[in-house]
């Protein structure tokens, strides 16, 4: 078994951390939803798709 040495040599993958955070947001939204599944619109709302599109277009 290989154990990482003590001393902070861990590498942070910022993309993976962001994806984990988004998954967490979806899990929270799904657990609070009254319906069986989240609608596509609700998923976009949770993931802030419209906001990202606005930011990307410079508006």
N, C-alpha and C. Protein backbone atom coordinates (compact mmCIF):
# COMPACT_ATOMS: atom_id res chain seq x y z
N UNK A 1 0.85 -1.18 0.00
CA UNK A 1 0.00 0.00 0.00
C UNK A 1 0.89 1.23 0.00
N UNK A 2 0.52 2.21 -0.80
CA UNK A 2 1.28 3.46 -0.90
C UNK A 2 0.52 4.55 -0.16
N UNK A 3 1.17 5.22 0.73
CA UNK A 3 0.56 6.31 1.50
C UNK A 3 1.28 7.60 1.12
N UNK A 4 0.52 8.64 0.86
CA UNK A 4 1.12 9.94 0.52
C UNK A 4 1.92 10.46 1.69
N UNK A 5 3.09 10.99 1.41
CA UNK A 5 3.92 11.52 2.50
C UNK A 5 3.29 12.74 3.16
N UNK A 6 3.55 12.89 4.42
CA UNK A 6 3.05 14.04 5.16
C UNK A 6 3.89 15.24 4.73
N UNK A 7 3.24 16.35 4.47
CA UNK A 7 4.00 17.52 4.09
C UNK A 7 3.34 18.32 2.98
N UNK A 8 2.13 17.96 2.61
CA UNK A 8 1.40 18.77 1.65
C UNK A 8 1.80 18.59 0.20
N UNK A 9 2.09 17.41 -0.23
CA UNK A 9 2.44 17.17 -1.63
C UNK A 9 1.22 16.86 -2.48
N UNK A 10 0.04 16.94 -1.92
CA UNK A 10 -1.18 16.64 -2.67
C UNK A 10 -1.41 17.69 -3.75
N UNK A 11 -1.89 17.25 -4.89
CA UNK A 11 -2.20 18.13 -6.00
C UNK A 11 -3.70 18.34 -6.03
N UNK A 12 -4.12 19.58 -6.19
CA UNK A 12 -5.55 19.85 -6.26
C UNK A 12 -5.96 19.97 -7.71
N UNK A 13 -6.99 19.24 -8.07
CA UNK A 13 -7.56 19.30 -9.41
C UNK A 13 -8.78 20.21 -9.31
N UNK A 14 -8.63 21.45 -9.73
CA UNK A 14 -9.69 22.44 -9.56
C UNK A 14 -10.93 22.11 -10.38
N UNK A 15 -10.76 21.49 -11.54
CA UNK A 15 -11.90 21.09 -12.35
C UNK A 15 -12.69 20.00 -11.62
N UNK A 16 -11.98 19.02 -11.08
CA UNK A 16 -12.65 17.94 -10.36
C UNK A 16 -13.37 18.49 -9.12
N UNK A 17 -12.74 19.41 -8.41
CA UNK A 17 -13.39 20.00 -7.24
C UNK A 17 -14.65 20.76 -7.62
N UNK A 18 -14.61 21.47 -8.74
CA UNK A 18 -15.80 22.21 -9.20
C UNK A 18 -16.91 21.24 -9.59
N UNK A 19 -16.56 20.14 -10.25
CA UNK A 19 -17.56 19.14 -10.62
C UNK A 19 -18.19 18.50 -9.39
N UNK A 20 -17.39 18.23 -8.39
CA UNK A 20 -17.91 17.66 -7.14
C UNK A 20 -18.87 18.63 -6.48
N UNK A 21 -18.55 19.91 -6.49
CA UNK A 21 -19.42 20.92 -5.90
C UNK A 21 -20.75 20.98 -6.66
N UNK A 22 -20.71 20.94 -7.99
CA UNK A 22 -21.93 20.96 -8.79
C UNK A 22 -22.78 19.72 -8.53
N UNK A 23 -22.14 18.57 -8.41
CA UNK A 23 -22.88 17.34 -8.09
C UNK A 23 -23.57 17.47 -6.74
N UNK A 24 -22.87 18.05 -5.79
CA UNK A 24 -23.46 18.28 -4.47
C UNK A 24 -24.68 19.17 -4.55
N UNK A 25 -24.60 20.23 -5.36
CA UNK A 25 -25.75 21.13 -5.53
C UNK A 25 -26.93 20.39 -6.13
N UNK A 26 -26.67 19.52 -7.11
CA UNK A 26 -27.75 18.74 -7.71
C UNK A 26 -28.36 17.76 -6.71
N UNK A 27 -27.55 17.14 -5.89
CA UNK A 27 -28.05 16.21 -4.88
C UNK A 27 -28.94 16.93 -3.88
N UNK A 28 -28.51 18.11 -3.45
CA UNK A 28 -29.32 18.91 -2.52
C UNK A 28 -30.64 19.28 -3.15
N UNK A 29 -30.62 19.75 -4.40
CA UNK A 29 -31.86 20.13 -5.09
C UNK A 29 -32.77 18.93 -5.27
N UNK A 30 -32.21 17.78 -5.63
CA UNK A 30 -33.02 16.59 -5.83
C UNK A 30 -33.67 16.13 -4.52
N UNK A 31 -32.94 16.22 -3.43
CA UNK A 31 -33.49 15.77 -2.15
C UNK A 31 -34.59 16.71 -1.66
N UNK A 32 -34.54 17.97 -2.08
CA UNK A 32 -35.56 18.94 -1.66
C UNK A 32 -36.76 18.99 -2.61
N UNK A 33 -36.65 18.34 -3.76
CA UNK A 33 -37.71 18.39 -4.77
C UNK A 33 -38.91 17.56 -4.34
N UNK A 34 -40.09 18.03 -4.70
CA UNK A 34 -41.32 17.31 -4.38
C UNK A 34 -41.64 16.26 -5.45
N UNK A 35 -41.17 16.51 -6.68
CA UNK A 35 -41.42 15.56 -7.76
C UNK A 35 -40.36 14.47 -7.75
N UNK A 36 -40.59 13.43 -8.54
CA UNK A 36 -39.67 12.29 -8.55
C UNK A 36 -38.32 12.64 -9.18
N UNK A 37 -38.35 13.49 -10.21
CA UNK A 37 -37.12 13.87 -10.91
C UNK A 37 -37.08 15.38 -11.08
N UNK A 38 -35.87 15.90 -11.17
CA UNK A 38 -35.71 17.31 -11.46
C UNK A 38 -35.97 17.55 -12.95
N UNK A 39 -36.67 18.63 -13.25
CA UNK A 39 -36.89 18.98 -14.66
C UNK A 39 -35.58 19.52 -15.24
N UNK A 40 -35.49 19.52 -16.56
CA UNK A 40 -34.30 20.07 -17.20
C UNK A 40 -34.11 21.54 -16.84
N UNK A 41 -35.22 22.27 -16.75
CA UNK A 41 -35.15 23.67 -16.36
C UNK A 41 -34.60 23.85 -14.96
N UNK A 42 -35.03 23.00 -14.04
CA UNK A 42 -34.54 23.08 -12.65
C UNK A 42 -33.06 22.72 -12.58
N UNK A 43 -32.65 21.73 -13.35
CA UNK A 43 -31.24 21.36 -13.39
C UNK A 43 -30.41 22.54 -13.89
N UNK A 44 -30.87 23.19 -14.97
CA UNK A 44 -30.17 24.36 -15.48
C UNK A 44 -30.10 25.47 -14.44
N UNK A 45 -31.20 25.64 -13.70
CA UNK A 45 -31.24 26.67 -12.65
C UNK A 45 -30.22 26.36 -11.55
N UNK A 46 -30.18 25.11 -11.11
CA UNK A 46 -29.25 24.72 -10.05
C UNK A 46 -27.80 24.89 -10.51
N UNK A 47 -27.53 24.54 -11.76
CA UNK A 47 -26.17 24.62 -12.29
C UNK A 47 -25.82 26.02 -12.81
N UNK A 48 -26.80 26.94 -12.73
CA UNK A 48 -26.60 28.34 -13.15
C UNK A 48 -26.17 28.44 -14.61
N UNK A 49 -26.85 27.66 -15.46
CA UNK A 49 -26.52 27.62 -16.89
C UNK A 49 -26.75 28.98 -17.54
N UNK A 50 -27.89 29.62 -17.26
CA UNK A 50 -28.18 30.92 -17.87
C UNK A 50 -27.15 31.97 -17.46
N UNK A 51 -26.75 31.96 -16.20
CA UNK A 51 -25.74 32.90 -15.72
C UNK A 51 -24.41 32.68 -16.44
N UNK A 52 -24.03 31.43 -16.62
CA UNK A 52 -22.78 31.12 -17.31
C UNK A 52 -22.83 31.58 -18.76
N UNK A 53 -23.99 31.41 -19.40
CA UNK A 53 -24.13 31.85 -20.80
C UNK A 53 -24.02 33.36 -20.89
N UNK A 54 -24.64 34.07 -19.95
CA UNK A 54 -24.54 35.54 -19.93
C UNK A 54 -23.10 35.98 -19.71
N UNK A 55 -22.42 35.35 -18.80
CA UNK A 55 -21.02 35.68 -18.51
C UNK A 55 -20.14 35.42 -19.74
N UNK A 56 -20.42 34.34 -20.44
CA UNK A 56 -19.62 33.97 -21.62
C UNK A 56 -19.86 34.92 -22.78
N UNK A 57 -21.09 35.44 -22.89
CA UNK A 57 -21.39 36.34 -24.00
C UNK A 57 -21.01 37.79 -23.70
N UNK A 58 -20.64 38.06 -22.46
CA UNK A 58 -20.19 39.40 -22.09
C UNK A 58 -21.30 40.38 -21.78
N UNK A 59 -22.49 39.88 -21.57
CA UNK A 59 -23.63 40.77 -21.27
C UNK A 59 -23.67 41.13 -19.82
